[in-house]
C-alpha cells in the first residue's frame, strides 16, 4: 500500500493520524466533564438536605449561668426541648448521698459518678422520669420532693434521692446525667 491509499481510506487511519485521536480525546473529556457537573448538581442538594437545620444546631447545647443558685436550691432549664434539673447540693445532702451503700441501689451509682470532680455540689440531670417520661417534682419551692429529699414523679410514684438516684417506685434507672462541662465557675455548658 502506498501513502496515498492510507490517507484516502479513513477506516485504516490509526494512531499515526492526529485528527482522530484529538477528536476522540475532546469528546471523552467533554462527556466526562458533563457527567461530573451533572453528578455534582444532583449530589450537592442531596447531601446538604441531610445536614441538621439551624434550629437543631442551636439546641445542640445550652449554657446556663448558675451563679445565683443557692445551696439546697434547684432550677429547671430546657435542653433539646426537654427539662434539665440543676441542683446545688448542701453539705448535708452530699453527706447523705455518700452514706448510701451503692450496692443497695437499683441503679448503682455513687454521687462521684454523677457529678464532676471538684464540683460535687452541682448535680445536673435530665428532668425526665425513667419510667414513662413524666417530669418529676422537686425543683420548685414547696414542691413535693419525696421521702428521700430529691425528686418525686407524680405520675406513678417514683422517688429519687438528692443525687437523683431511684430509690422507690417503678422507674428502672436513675435520672440521666447529660454531657456537660463547666466553662467558668458560674457557667455550665450542657451538650
N, C-alpha and C. Protein backbone atom coordinates (compact mmCIF):
# COMPACT_ATOMS: atom_id res chain seq x y z
N UNK A 1 0.81 -1.17 0.00
CA UNK A 1 0.00 0.00 0.00
C UNK A 1 0.87 1.25 0.00
N UNK A 2 0.32 2.23 -0.61
CA UNK A 2 1.07 3.47 -0.69
C UNK A 2 0.53 4.44 0.35
N UNK A 3 1.26 5.51 0.51
CA UNK A 3 0.85 6.52 1.48
C UNK A 3 -0.45 7.19 1.09
N UNK A 4 -0.71 7.34 -0.18
CA UNK A 4 -1.95 7.98 -0.60
C UNK A 4 -3.14 7.09 -0.35
N UNK A 5 -2.97 5.77 -0.41
CA UNK A 5 -4.08 4.85 -0.17
C UNK A 5 -4.51 4.92 1.29
N UNK A 6 -3.58 5.05 2.22
CA UNK A 6 -3.92 5.13 3.64
C UNK A 6 -4.65 6.43 3.93
N UNK A 7 -4.23 7.52 3.36
CA UNK A 7 -4.87 8.81 3.61
C UNK A 7 -6.27 8.87 3.05
N UNK A 8 -6.52 8.16 1.91
CA UNK A 8 -7.84 8.18 1.31
C UNK A 8 -8.83 7.28 2.04
N UNK A 9 -8.37 6.25 2.75
CA UNK A 9 -9.24 5.28 3.40
C UNK A 9 -9.31 5.62 4.90
N UNK A 10 -10.43 6.25 5.42
CA UNK A 10 -10.49 6.62 6.83
C UNK A 10 -10.52 5.42 7.75
N UNK A 11 -10.96 4.26 7.32
CA UNK A 11 -11.02 3.09 8.17
C UNK A 11 -9.64 2.61 8.56
N UNK A 12 -8.67 2.96 7.76
CA UNK A 12 -7.32 2.49 8.04
C UNK A 12 -6.50 3.52 8.80
N UNK A 13 -7.09 4.64 9.16
CA UNK A 13 -6.32 5.63 9.91
C UNK A 13 -6.08 5.10 11.31
N UNK A 14 -4.90 5.19 11.79
CA UNK A 14 -4.52 4.63 13.09
C UNK A 14 -3.99 5.71 13.99
N UNK A 15 -3.17 5.30 14.95
CA UNK A 15 -2.63 6.26 15.89
C UNK A 15 -1.76 7.31 15.21
N UNK A 16 -1.31 6.98 14.02
CA UNK A 16 -0.48 7.95 13.34
C UNK A 16 -1.30 9.16 12.91
N UNK A 17 -2.60 8.97 12.75
CA UNK A 17 -3.48 10.04 12.28
C UNK A 17 -3.82 10.94 13.47
N UNK A 18 -3.32 12.15 13.54
CA UNK A 18 -3.50 13.05 14.66
C UNK A 18 -4.91 13.57 14.83
N UNK A 19 -5.67 13.75 13.74
CA UNK A 19 -7.01 14.32 13.84
C UNK A 19 -7.97 13.41 14.60
N UNK A 20 -7.99 12.10 14.36
CA UNK A 20 -8.92 11.17 15.00
C UNK A 20 -8.69 11.08 16.50
N UNK A 21 -7.46 11.06 16.92
CA UNK A 21 -7.14 10.95 18.34
C UNK A 21 -7.57 12.23 19.07
N UNK A 22 -7.33 13.36 18.50
CA UNK A 22 -7.69 14.62 19.14
C UNK A 22 -9.20 14.76 19.28
N UNK A 23 -9.96 14.40 18.28
CA UNK A 23 -11.41 14.48 18.36
C UNK A 23 -11.95 13.53 19.42
N UNK A 24 -11.42 12.34 19.45
CA UNK A 24 -11.86 11.33 20.42
C UNK A 24 -11.54 11.80 21.85
N UNK A 25 -10.36 12.34 22.06
CA UNK A 25 -9.99 12.84 23.38
C UNK A 25 -10.90 13.98 23.82
N UNK A 26 -11.20 14.89 22.87
CA UNK A 26 -12.09 16.00 23.20
C UNK A 26 -13.48 15.50 23.59
N UNK A 27 -14.02 14.56 22.85
CA UNK A 27 -15.35 14.02 23.16
C UNK A 27 -15.33 13.31 24.51
N UNK A 28 -14.27 12.57 24.81
CA UNK A 28 -14.15 11.87 26.09
C UNK A 28 -14.09 12.87 27.25
N UNK A 29 -13.27 13.91 27.11
CA UNK A 29 -13.14 14.92 28.16
C UNK A 29 -14.45 15.68 28.34
N UNK A 30 -15.10 16.04 27.24
CA UNK A 30 -16.36 16.78 27.32
C UNK A 30 -17.45 15.93 27.96
N UNK A 31 -17.53 14.66 27.61
CA UNK A 31 -18.56 13.78 28.19
C UNK A 31 -18.30 13.56 29.68
N UNK A 32 -17.06 13.36 30.05
CA UNK A 32 -16.71 13.16 31.47
C UNK A 32 -17.01 14.42 32.28
N UNK A 33 -16.69 15.58 31.73
CA UNK A 33 -16.97 16.84 32.43
C UNK A 33 -18.46 17.05 32.61
N UNK A 34 -19.23 16.77 31.55
CA UNK A 34 -20.68 16.93 31.64
C UNK A 34 -21.27 15.97 32.68
N UNK A 35 -20.76 14.74 32.72
CA UNK A 35 -21.24 13.78 33.72
C UNK A 35 -20.87 14.23 35.13
N UNK A 36 -19.67 14.77 35.31
CA UNK A 36 -19.24 15.26 36.62
C UNK A 36 -20.09 16.42 37.10
N UNK A 37 -20.38 17.38 36.21
CA UNK A 37 -21.22 18.51 36.57
C UNK A 37 -22.63 18.04 36.89
N UNK A 38 -23.14 17.10 36.12
CA UNK A 38 -24.49 16.55 36.39
C UNK A 38 -24.55 15.84 37.72
N UNK A 39 -23.53 15.02 38.02
CA UNK A 39 -23.50 14.30 39.30
C UNK A 39 -23.40 15.27 40.47
N UNK A 40 -22.57 16.31 40.35
CA UNK A 40 -22.43 17.29 41.42
C UNK A 40 -23.73 18.05 41.64
N UNK A 41 -24.43 18.39 40.53
CA UNK A 41 -25.68 19.14 40.69
C UNK A 41 -26.77 18.30 41.33
N UNK A 42 -26.64 16.99 41.29
CA UNK A 42 -27.61 16.12 41.96
C UNK A 42 -27.17 15.83 43.39
N UNK A 43 -25.88 15.58 43.62
CA UNK A 43 -25.40 15.17 44.94
C UNK A 43 -25.33 16.31 45.95
N UNK A 44 -24.97 17.51 45.53
CA UNK A 44 -24.82 18.61 46.49
C UNK A 44 -26.13 18.91 47.21
N UNK A 45 -27.26 19.08 46.51
CA UNK A 45 -28.52 19.29 47.25
C UNK A 45 -28.92 18.08 48.08
N UNK A 46 -28.63 16.88 47.59
CA UNK A 46 -28.99 15.67 48.33
C UNK A 46 -28.24 15.60 49.65
N UNK A 47 -26.95 15.89 49.63
CA UNK A 47 -26.14 15.83 50.85
C UNK A 47 -26.49 17.00 51.77
N UNK A 48 -26.69 18.19 51.21
CA UNK A 48 -26.98 19.35 52.08
C UNK A 48 -28.33 19.24 52.77
N UNK A 49 -29.29 18.54 52.20
CA UNK A 49 -30.58 18.38 52.87
C UNK A 49 -30.49 17.45 54.07
N UNK A 50 -29.44 16.62 54.13
CA UNK A 50 -29.27 15.72 55.27
C UNK A 50 -28.59 16.39 56.45
N UNK A 51 -28.04 17.57 56.27
CA UNK A 51 -27.39 18.30 57.36
C UNK A 51 -28.45 18.81 58.34
N UNK A 52 -28.10 18.91 59.62
CA UNK A 52 -29.08 19.41 60.59
C UNK A 52 -29.45 20.86 60.30
N UNK A 53 -30.70 21.19 60.56
CA UNK A 53 -31.17 22.55 60.31
C UNK A 53 -30.64 23.49 61.39
N UNK A 54 -30.79 24.77 61.16
CA UNK A 54 -30.26 25.78 62.08
C UNK A 54 -30.89 25.68 63.46
N UNK A 55 -32.19 25.38 63.53
CA UNK A 55 -32.83 25.29 64.85
C UNK A 55 -32.34 24.08 65.63
N UNK A 56 -31.99 23.00 64.93
CA UNK A 56 -31.45 21.83 65.61
C UNK A 56 -30.04 22.12 66.11
N UNK A 57 -29.24 22.78 65.30
CA UNK A 57 -27.89 23.13 65.73
C UNK A 57 -27.92 24.09 66.92
N UNK A 58 -28.89 24.98 66.94
CA UNK A 58 -28.99 25.93 68.05
C UNK A 58 -29.33 25.23 69.35
N UNK A 59 -30.04 24.13 69.29
CA UNK A 59 -30.42 23.41 70.51
C UNK A 59 -29.44 22.31 70.90
N UNK A 60 -28.33 22.20 70.18
CA UNK A 60 -27.40 21.12 70.47
C UNK A 60 -26.66 21.32 71.79
N UNK A 61 -26.63 22.55 72.29
CA UNK A 61 -26.06 22.81 73.60
C UNK A 61 -26.77 23.99 74.24
N UNK A 62 -26.68 24.04 75.55
CA UNK A 62 -27.31 25.11 76.32
C UNK A 62 -26.32 25.59 77.37
N UNK A 63 -26.16 26.90 77.48
CA UNK A 63 -25.30 27.46 78.53
C UNK A 63 -26.18 28.08 79.61
N UNK A 64 -25.84 27.77 80.84
CA UNK A 64 -26.60 28.28 81.98
C UNK A 64 -25.68 29.00 82.94
N UNK A 65 -26.12 30.15 83.43
CA UNK A 65 -25.41 30.85 84.49
C UNK A 65 -26.00 30.35 85.80
N UNK A 66 -25.20 29.64 86.58
CA UNK A 66 -25.70 29.00 87.80
C UNK A 66 -25.22 29.73 89.06
N UNK A 67 -24.64 30.90 88.87
CA UNK A 67 -24.08 31.65 90.00
C UNK A 67 -25.10 32.06 91.05
N UNK A 68 -26.35 32.23 90.67
CA UNK A 68 -27.35 32.71 91.63
C UNK A 68 -28.07 31.58 92.36
N UNK A 69 -27.77 30.34 92.04
CA UNK A 69 -28.43 29.20 92.72
C UNK A 69 -27.79 29.01 94.09
N UNK A 70 -28.63 29.03 95.12
CA UNK A 70 -28.16 28.88 96.49
C UNK A 70 -28.09 27.40 96.87
N UNK A 71 -27.25 27.04 97.86
CA UNK A 71 -27.20 25.64 98.31
C UNK A 71 -28.59 25.18 98.75
N UNK A 72 -28.97 24.00 98.30
CA UNK A 72 -30.28 23.44 98.60
C UNK A 72 -31.34 23.80 97.58
N UNK A 73 -31.00 24.67 96.65
CA UNK A 73 -31.95 25.13 95.65
C UNK A 73 -31.72 24.38 94.33
N UNK A 74 -32.80 24.23 93.55
CA UNK A 74 -32.73 23.61 92.23
C UNK A 74 -33.49 24.46 91.24
N UNK A 75 -33.06 24.43 89.99
CA UNK A 75 -33.78 25.13 88.93
C UNK A 75 -34.08 24.15 87.81
N UNK A 76 -35.03 24.55 86.99
CA UNK A 76 -35.40 23.75 85.82
C UNK A 76 -35.05 24.57 84.59
N UNK A 77 -34.32 23.98 83.64
CA UNK A 77 -33.98 24.64 82.38
C UNK A 77 -34.42 23.72 81.24
N UNK A 78 -34.13 24.12 80.02
CA UNK A 78 -34.52 23.32 78.86
C UNK A 78 -33.27 23.00 78.04
N UNK A 79 -33.14 21.73 77.67
CA UNK A 79 -32.04 21.26 76.82
C UNK A 79 -32.64 20.27 75.83
N UNK A 80 -32.52 20.58 74.54
CA UNK A 80 -33.07 19.74 73.47
C UNK A 80 -34.57 19.48 73.68
N UNK A 81 -35.27 20.53 74.03
CA UNK A 81 -36.73 20.51 74.23
C UNK A 81 -37.17 19.61 75.38
N UNK A 82 -36.25 19.31 76.29
CA UNK A 82 -36.58 18.51 77.48
C UNK A 82 -36.10 19.25 78.72
N UNK A 83 -36.77 19.03 79.86
CA UNK A 83 -36.35 19.72 81.07
C UNK A 83 -35.03 19.16 81.62
N UNK A 84 -34.26 20.06 82.19
CA UNK A 84 -33.00 19.71 82.86
C UNK A 84 -33.07 20.29 84.26
N UNK A 85 -32.66 19.48 85.24
CA UNK A 85 -32.63 19.94 86.63
C UNK A 85 -31.18 20.26 86.99
N UNK A 86 -30.96 21.44 87.53
CA UNK A 86 -29.66 21.83 88.06
C UNK A 86 -29.85 22.08 89.54
N UNK A 87 -29.18 21.28 90.35
CA UNK A 87 -29.37 21.34 91.80
C UNK A 87 -28.02 21.60 92.48
N UNK A 88 -28.03 22.54 93.40
CA UNK A 88 -26.83 22.81 94.20
C UNK A 88 -27.04 22.15 95.55
N UNK A 89 -26.30 21.11 95.78
CA UNK A 89 -26.45 20.30 97.00
C UNK A 89 -25.81 21.00 98.20
N UNK A 90 -26.44 20.83 99.35
CA UNK A 90 -25.87 21.32 100.60
C UNK A 90 -24.84 20.31 101.10
N UNK A 91 -23.96 20.70 102.00
CA UNK A 91 -23.03 19.73 102.57
C UNK A 91 -23.75 18.54 103.22
N UNK A 92 -24.91 18.81 103.84
CA UNK A 92 -25.68 17.73 104.46
C UNK A 92 -26.21 16.76 103.39
N UNK A 93 -26.71 17.28 102.27
CA UNK A 93 -27.21 16.42 101.20
C UNK A 93 -26.08 15.61 100.57
N UNK A 94 -24.92 16.20 100.45
CA UNK A 94 -23.76 15.48 99.91
C UNK A 94 -23.39 14.34 100.84
N UNK A 95 -23.35 14.62 102.15
CA UNK A 95 -23.01 13.57 103.13
C UNK A 95 -24.05 12.45 103.12
N UNK A 96 -25.34 12.81 103.02
CA UNK A 96 -26.38 11.77 102.97
C UNK A 96 -26.27 10.92 101.72
N UNK A 97 -25.97 11.55 100.58
CA UNK A 97 -25.84 10.80 99.33
C UNK A 97 -24.64 9.86 99.37
N UNK A 98 -23.56 10.31 99.99
CA UNK A 98 -22.36 9.47 100.09
C UNK A 98 -22.55 8.33 101.08
N UNK A 99 -23.44 8.51 102.06
CA UNK A 99 -23.65 7.49 103.09
C UNK A 99 -24.47 6.30 102.60
N UNK A 100 -25.16 6.45 101.49
CA UNK A 100 -25.99 5.35 100.96
C UNK A 100 -25.08 4.30 100.34
N UNK A 101 -25.20 3.03 100.77
CA UNK A 101 -24.39 1.97 100.15
C UNK A 101 -24.80 1.80 98.67
N UNK A 102 -23.84 1.96 97.79
CA UNK A 102 -24.13 1.92 96.35
C UNK A 102 -24.72 0.58 95.93
N UNK A 103 -24.28 -0.51 96.53
CA UNK A 103 -24.79 -1.83 96.14
C UNK A 103 -26.25 -2.05 96.57
N UNK A 104 -26.78 -1.15 97.40
CA UNK A 104 -28.19 -1.28 97.80
C UNK A 104 -29.13 -0.58 96.81
N UNK A 105 -28.58 0.11 95.84
CA UNK A 105 -29.38 0.87 94.89
C UNK A 105 -29.79 0.02 93.69
N UNK A 106 -30.95 0.31 93.14
CA UNK A 106 -31.46 -0.40 91.95
C UNK A 106 -30.54 -0.13 90.75
N UNK A 107 -30.12 1.11 90.60
CA UNK A 107 -29.19 1.51 89.53
C UNK A 107 -27.96 2.07 90.23
N UNK A 108 -27.00 1.19 90.57
CA UNK A 108 -25.90 1.59 91.45
C UNK A 108 -24.97 2.64 90.84
N UNK A 109 -25.00 3.83 91.41
CA UNK A 109 -24.09 4.91 91.04
C UNK A 109 -23.82 5.73 92.29
N UNK A 110 -22.56 6.10 92.46
CA UNK A 110 -22.22 6.97 93.59
C UNK A 110 -22.43 8.42 93.17
N UNK A 111 -22.39 9.32 94.14
CA UNK A 111 -22.51 10.75 93.84
C UNK A 111 -21.35 11.18 92.95
N UNK A 112 -20.17 10.62 93.19
CA UNK A 112 -19.00 10.96 92.38
C UNK A 112 -19.19 10.55 90.91
N UNK A 113 -19.94 9.46 90.68
CA UNK A 113 -20.22 9.03 89.31
C UNK A 113 -21.16 10.00 88.60
N UNK A 114 -21.92 10.75 89.36
CA UNK A 114 -22.98 11.59 88.78
C UNK A 114 -22.62 13.08 88.74
N UNK A 115 -21.47 13.45 89.31
CA UNK A 115 -21.04 14.85 89.32
C UNK A 115 -19.61 14.94 88.80
N UNK A 116 -19.17 16.16 88.53
CA UNK A 116 -17.79 16.40 88.08
C UNK A 116 -16.87 16.50 89.29
N UNK A 117 -15.66 16.01 89.12
CA UNK A 117 -14.68 16.06 90.20
C UNK A 117 -14.40 17.52 90.59
N UNK A 118 -14.46 17.78 91.88
CA UNK A 118 -14.25 19.13 92.39
C UNK A 118 -15.50 20.00 92.34
N UNK A 119 -16.56 19.49 91.74
CA UNK A 119 -17.82 20.25 91.63
C UNK A 119 -18.98 19.37 92.09
N UNK A 120 -18.76 18.57 93.13
CA UNK A 120 -19.79 17.61 93.55
C UNK A 120 -21.03 18.26 94.15
N UNK A 121 -20.96 19.55 94.42
CA UNK A 121 -22.16 20.23 94.93
C UNK A 121 -23.16 20.51 93.80
N UNK A 122 -22.74 20.36 92.54
CA UNK A 122 -23.60 20.63 91.39
C UNK A 122 -24.05 19.33 90.77
N UNK A 123 -25.34 19.07 90.84
CA UNK A 123 -25.93 17.87 90.23
C UNK A 123 -26.79 18.32 89.05
N UNK A 124 -26.44 17.86 87.87
CA UNK A 124 -27.17 18.23 86.65
C UNK A 124 -27.71 16.96 86.03
N UNK A 125 -29.05 16.89 85.93
CA UNK A 125 -29.71 15.71 85.38
C UNK A 125 -30.83 16.11 84.43
N UNK A 126 -31.20 15.18 83.57
CA UNK A 126 -32.38 15.38 82.74
C UNK A 126 -33.60 15.30 83.66
N UNK A 127 -34.59 16.13 83.43
CA UNK A 127 -35.79 16.15 84.27
C UNK A 127 -36.89 15.28 83.71
N UNK A 128 -36.53 14.05 83.33
CA UNK A 128 -37.49 13.13 82.73
C UNK A 128 -37.42 11.81 83.49
N UNK A 129 -38.53 11.40 84.07
CA UNK A 129 -38.57 10.15 84.81
C UNK A 129 -38.25 8.99 83.87
N UNK A 130 -37.44 8.06 84.34
CA UNK A 130 -37.02 6.93 83.51
C UNK A 130 -38.08 5.84 83.41
N UNK A 131 -39.22 6.04 84.05
CA UNK A 131 -40.30 5.06 83.94
C UNK A 131 -41.09 5.28 82.66
N UNK A 132 -41.84 6.37 82.58
CA UNK A 132 -42.64 6.64 81.38
C UNK A 132 -42.48 8.07 80.86
N UNK A 133 -41.45 8.78 81.33
CA UNK A 133 -41.14 10.08 80.76
C UNK A 133 -41.86 11.28 81.35
N UNK A 134 -42.47 11.15 82.51
CA UNK A 134 -43.10 12.30 83.16
C UNK A 134 -42.00 13.21 83.73
N UNK A 135 -42.37 14.42 84.09
CA UNK A 135 -41.43 15.36 84.70
C UNK A 135 -41.60 15.31 86.21
N UNK A 136 -40.59 14.86 86.94
CA UNK A 136 -40.69 14.79 88.40
C UNK A 136 -40.77 16.18 89.04
N UNK A 137 -41.32 16.21 90.25
CA UNK A 137 -41.38 17.42 91.06
C UNK A 137 -40.15 17.47 91.95
N UNK A 138 -39.83 18.66 92.44
CA UNK A 138 -38.73 18.78 93.39
C UNK A 138 -37.82 19.95 93.11
N UNK A 139 -38.02 20.65 91.99
CA UNK A 139 -37.15 21.80 91.72
C UNK A 139 -37.76 23.10 92.23
N UNK A 140 -39.07 23.19 92.23
CA UNK A 140 -39.73 24.43 92.66
C UNK A 140 -39.89 24.49 94.16
N UNK A 141 -39.98 25.70 94.66
CA UNK A 141 -40.16 25.89 96.09
C UNK A 141 -41.54 25.37 96.49
N UNK A 142 -41.59 24.53 97.52
CA UNK A 142 -42.84 23.97 98.01
C UNK A 142 -43.29 22.72 97.28
N UNK A 143 -42.57 22.29 96.25
CA UNK A 143 -42.96 21.06 95.54
C UNK A 143 -42.59 19.83 96.37
N UNK A 144 -43.35 18.77 96.18
CA UNK A 144 -43.09 17.51 96.86
C UNK A 144 -41.76 16.94 96.35
N UNK A 145 -40.88 16.58 97.30
CA UNK A 145 -39.58 16.03 96.93
C UNK A 145 -39.47 14.55 97.24
N UNK A 146 -40.46 13.98 97.85
CA UNK A 146 -40.41 12.56 98.19
C UNK A 146 -39.69 12.33 99.50
N UNK A 147 -39.75 11.11 99.96
CA UNK A 147 -39.19 10.80 101.29
C UNK A 147 -37.67 10.82 101.35
N UNK A 148 -36.99 10.87 100.19
CA UNK A 148 -35.53 10.91 100.19
C UNK A 148 -34.98 12.29 99.87
N UNK A 149 -35.89 13.29 99.77
CA UNK A 149 -35.47 14.68 99.61
C UNK A 149 -35.01 15.09 98.23
N UNK A 150 -35.21 14.25 97.25
CA UNK A 150 -34.75 14.59 95.91
C UNK A 150 -35.86 15.01 94.99
N UNK A 151 -36.40 14.04 94.26
CA UNK A 151 -37.46 14.31 93.30
C UNK A 151 -38.55 13.25 93.44
N UNK A 152 -39.78 13.67 93.12
CA UNK A 152 -40.92 12.77 93.20
C UNK A 152 -41.68 12.85 91.88
N UNK A 153 -41.92 11.71 91.24
CA UNK A 153 -42.67 11.69 90.00
C UNK A 153 -44.16 11.48 90.32
N UNK A 154 -44.99 12.47 90.02
CA UNK A 154 -46.40 12.36 90.38
C UNK A 154 -47.21 11.38 89.52
N UNK A 155 -46.66 10.96 88.41
CA UNK A 155 -47.42 10.06 87.52
C UNK A 155 -47.60 8.67 88.12
N UNK A 156 -46.50 8.06 88.58
CA UNK A 156 -46.58 6.69 89.09
C UNK A 156 -45.83 6.49 90.40
N UNK A 157 -45.39 7.57 91.03
CA UNK A 157 -44.83 7.48 92.37
C UNK A 157 -43.37 7.13 92.50
N UNK A 158 -42.57 7.30 91.45
CA UNK A 158 -41.13 7.05 91.59
C UNK A 158 -40.51 8.13 92.48
N UNK A 159 -39.62 7.69 93.38
CA UNK A 159 -38.98 8.60 94.32
C UNK A 159 -37.47 8.53 94.12
N UNK A 160 -36.86 9.71 93.95
CA UNK A 160 -35.41 9.83 93.74
C UNK A 160 -34.79 10.54 94.94
N UNK A 161 -33.54 10.20 95.25
CA UNK A 161 -32.87 10.88 96.36
C UNK A 161 -32.21 12.17 95.87
N UNK A 162 -31.43 12.82 96.74
CA UNK A 162 -30.82 14.11 96.39
C UNK A 162 -29.78 13.99 95.29
N UNK A 163 -29.29 12.79 95.03
CA UNK A 163 -28.36 12.56 93.93
C UNK A 163 -29.11 12.10 92.68
N UNK A 164 -30.45 12.23 92.69
CA UNK A 164 -31.33 11.85 91.57
C UNK A 164 -31.21 10.37 91.22
N UNK A 165 -30.99 9.55 92.25
CA UNK A 165 -30.94 8.09 92.07
C UNK A 165 -32.29 7.51 92.47
N UNK A 166 -32.77 6.54 91.72
CA UNK A 166 -34.06 5.93 92.00
C UNK A 166 -33.96 5.15 93.31
N UNK A 167 -34.92 5.40 94.20
CA UNK A 167 -34.92 4.73 95.50
C UNK A 167 -36.19 3.95 95.74
N UNK A 168 -37.29 4.35 95.05
CA UNK A 168 -38.56 3.69 95.30
C UNK A 168 -39.48 3.96 94.11
N UNK A 169 -40.31 2.99 93.77
CA UNK A 169 -41.25 3.18 92.68
C UNK A 169 -40.86 2.41 91.43
N UNK A 170 -41.61 2.58 90.35
CA UNK A 170 -41.42 1.75 89.16
C UNK A 170 -40.27 2.15 88.24
N UNK A 171 -39.67 3.32 88.41
CA UNK A 171 -38.61 3.74 87.50
C UNK A 171 -37.43 2.77 87.57
N UNK A 172 -36.91 2.32 86.41
CA UNK A 172 -35.83 1.35 86.42
C UNK A 172 -34.45 1.95 86.62
N UNK A 173 -34.26 3.22 86.28
CA UNK A 173 -32.93 3.82 86.32
C UNK A 173 -32.95 5.18 87.00
N UNK A 174 -31.76 5.65 87.34
CA UNK A 174 -31.59 6.99 87.89
C UNK A 174 -31.92 8.02 86.81
N UNK A 175 -32.17 9.26 87.23
CA UNK A 175 -32.34 10.33 86.25
C UNK A 175 -31.02 10.46 85.48
N UNK A 176 -31.14 10.61 84.17
CA UNK A 176 -29.97 10.63 83.30
C UNK A 176 -29.15 11.90 83.51
N UNK A 177 -27.82 11.73 83.51
CA UNK A 177 -26.90 12.86 83.58
C UNK A 177 -26.46 13.17 82.15
N UNK A 178 -26.80 14.36 81.63
CA UNK A 178 -26.40 14.69 80.26
C UNK A 178 -24.92 15.06 80.22
N UNK A 179 -24.32 15.07 79.03
CA UNK A 179 -22.93 15.54 78.95
C UNK A 179 -22.89 17.04 79.26
N UNK A 180 -21.98 17.46 80.10
CA UNK A 180 -21.86 18.88 80.43
C UNK A 180 -20.45 19.18 80.87
N UNK A 181 -20.11 20.47 80.85
CA UNK A 181 -18.80 20.92 81.32
C UNK A 181 -18.94 22.34 81.87
N UNK A 182 -18.09 22.65 82.81
CA UNK A 182 -18.07 24.00 83.38
C UNK A 182 -17.14 24.85 82.53
N UNK A 183 -17.67 25.94 81.96
CA UNK A 183 -16.83 26.85 81.18
C UNK A 183 -16.25 27.94 82.07
N UNK A 184 -16.83 28.14 83.24
CA UNK A 184 -16.28 29.02 84.27
C UNK A 184 -16.84 28.54 85.60
N UNK A 185 -16.56 29.27 86.68
CA UNK A 185 -17.07 28.88 87.98
C UNK A 185 -18.59 28.99 88.07
N UNK A 186 -19.18 29.86 87.25
CA UNK A 186 -20.62 30.11 87.34
C UNK A 186 -21.39 29.76 86.07
N UNK A 187 -20.72 29.25 85.04
CA UNK A 187 -21.39 28.94 83.78
C UNK A 187 -21.14 27.49 83.43
N UNK A 188 -22.23 26.78 83.12
CA UNK A 188 -22.13 25.38 82.71
C UNK A 188 -22.71 25.26 81.31
N UNK A 189 -22.02 24.48 80.48
CA UNK A 189 -22.48 24.21 79.11
C UNK A 189 -22.96 22.77 79.06
N UNK A 190 -24.25 22.60 78.76
CA UNK A 190 -24.84 21.27 78.67
C UNK A 190 -24.91 20.88 77.20
N UNK A 191 -24.41 19.70 76.89
CA UNK A 191 -24.43 19.22 75.50
C UNK A 191 -23.09 19.30 74.84
